Amino acid sequence: MKKLIVTLGALLVSTGLTFAQKESDFYKDKIKQVSKTVDLVKDYKVNNKDHKDDSDQLQKAIDDMTALKNGGRINITAGTYYFGSIEVKSNVHIVISKDAVIYPTPPEKDKNYGIFDFGTKGNYVENLSVRGDKGQYTVDVSKVANKRVRVFSMNNAHNFLIADMNCIDDNTKFSSITMGYAKVNGKFVMSDNGVVKNCRTEKAHYGYGLVQSQALKNVFFKDLWGDGGVTLRLETGLKKMNNVQTGGNHDIYAKNIYCQNGNAGVMISPHAIRNGHVEVDGVETVNTGFALRIDKGYTSKEQKKLKLQPGYYANTSIVKNVKATYGKNAQVKPKHFKYITCDAKPLIHSKAHPDGESYPAPAVAAILYRADGNADNANGYYKVKISNVEAIGFPHQKKAVINESDEVENCEQ
C-alpha cells in the first residue's frame, strides 16, 4: 500500500489547555461519597428476565437516591431491562453490569424519545453518572419500530460522566448521545464539565452516529468507537438554536476517536454559531469518507433574513495525529462527490446505503478542510492547526488534506 504522510505547521500552544488532559480536569467523581448503594433487582423488585417496562422502578430508585444527603449508587446487574424517559437526577450514579442488555421503551405516541435524560426538561442536575461494571453494557435499538430514539440526551447537566455504553444500532434517526440547550427562567443554559468515554456504536446512519454536541462547555471525549455515521459530531446545526444565537461548543477536547464504514471520525461544523476552542488528538478511520471534516460556517436563506452571520470555531483550534485507511465502500453523500477525483468517480455506486442518503463510494481523503480561508470569520472560515496526518492506501487522491480548491465538478476532457 502507498503511504502518504503530511505535516502541516507546528503544534500550537494556545492560551487554553494544551493536550495533556486528565479526566479529573473535567469530571470530579463522587461515587465513593454516596450515602447509600442499592440493587435495582433486589431492592426494587425488577424482573430482569421478562419483557415488561422497568422504567417506574428505576425512576423510583433515582428519586430515592437523589433525596439523600450525598446521593446514591444504583447497581443494575446482569439481565434484560426495558427503560424509557429515565430522568437521571443530581448525585445519582447508575452502574450497569457488562452482562446487562437495555432496550428502549417506546412512547405511547409516535414522537422522539430516549432512554436516559440529563436535565432535558431544563432542570439543573449535577454530580451524576451512568457507567459500566467491569466492561461495556449493551443498549439495543436495532429493532425499534420508531427510529427517532436516543440513548442519552442532556441539556442542563454539570459534572457528569457517561461511560462504557455499547449501542447496537441500525440506522436510527439520532446520534446515540446528544447534547443540546435549554431555556430556564428566560435564560439559555447548556451542560458543562463532563467526560464521555469508552463508548461505541455500530451500524449508524450516515447523518448521525455515536455523539452529537450542539451546546457544551469544558468536556473531554475519550476512546470512542463507531461503525457508520460520525463518531464525534461537533455540529451546531439545530435550527432554533441558530436562530436565537445560543449554545455552541466551547473548550472541547477529544482523544482516540475511531470510525469505520462511515461518514467521518470527527466532524467540526459551526453552521451560524460562534463556537469556541476545540482540540482533537488521535483520529483513526477505515473505509470512511473522511477521518475529519472541518466545515465552514454558513447561513440559510431564512437566517440571512434574520441578519445572522456565518458561524465558526476559535482560530486556536488544534487537530493532530490523524490516520485514514482507504476503503471502497464508505458512506459518502452526493454533496461530497465533487471531492472524489475523476478516475475514482466510476467507483461510486448507484444504489444508496440502507440509510437512504449516502452511497457506497471510495474513501475521499484523510481531512476535508473546508474552513480553510485565512481565518476570515465573517465568511465562516476559521483556522485549525493540523499536524501529523497519515493517509494509507489512497490510490486516487494524492493529498492527505483537501479543501474547497480541490473540488472537481466536471471530468470531461
Foldseek 3Di string as FASTA:
>chain_A
DDKDKDFFDDADDDPDDDPPDDLCQFFDACQVVFPEEEELCPPQVDDQADDDAPAVSVLVQQVVQVPDPQGYEYEYEAGEHEAWPREHAANYEYEYEQNYEYEYDDDPDQDATEGYEYCPVVDAGENYEYEYDPAAHEYEHAPDPRLNYEHYEYAHYENYEYERYEYEHAARDAANYEWDWDADPNRIGGYGRYEYEHYEYANYFQAYWHYEYQAYEHYEYEHYEYEEHERYEQANPDVVCLLVADGAYENYEYEAFEYEQYAERYEHHYALHAHEEYEYYHFEYELAQEPYEYAFYDYDPVVVVVVGFGYEYAQSYEYEHFEYEKDAFHWAFPVCLQLADPVQSVSWDPDDDPSVGTTGGIRRAHYENALPDPCPRRHRHHHYNYGTYMYHDDPGDPDRYHYPVSGHDDPDD
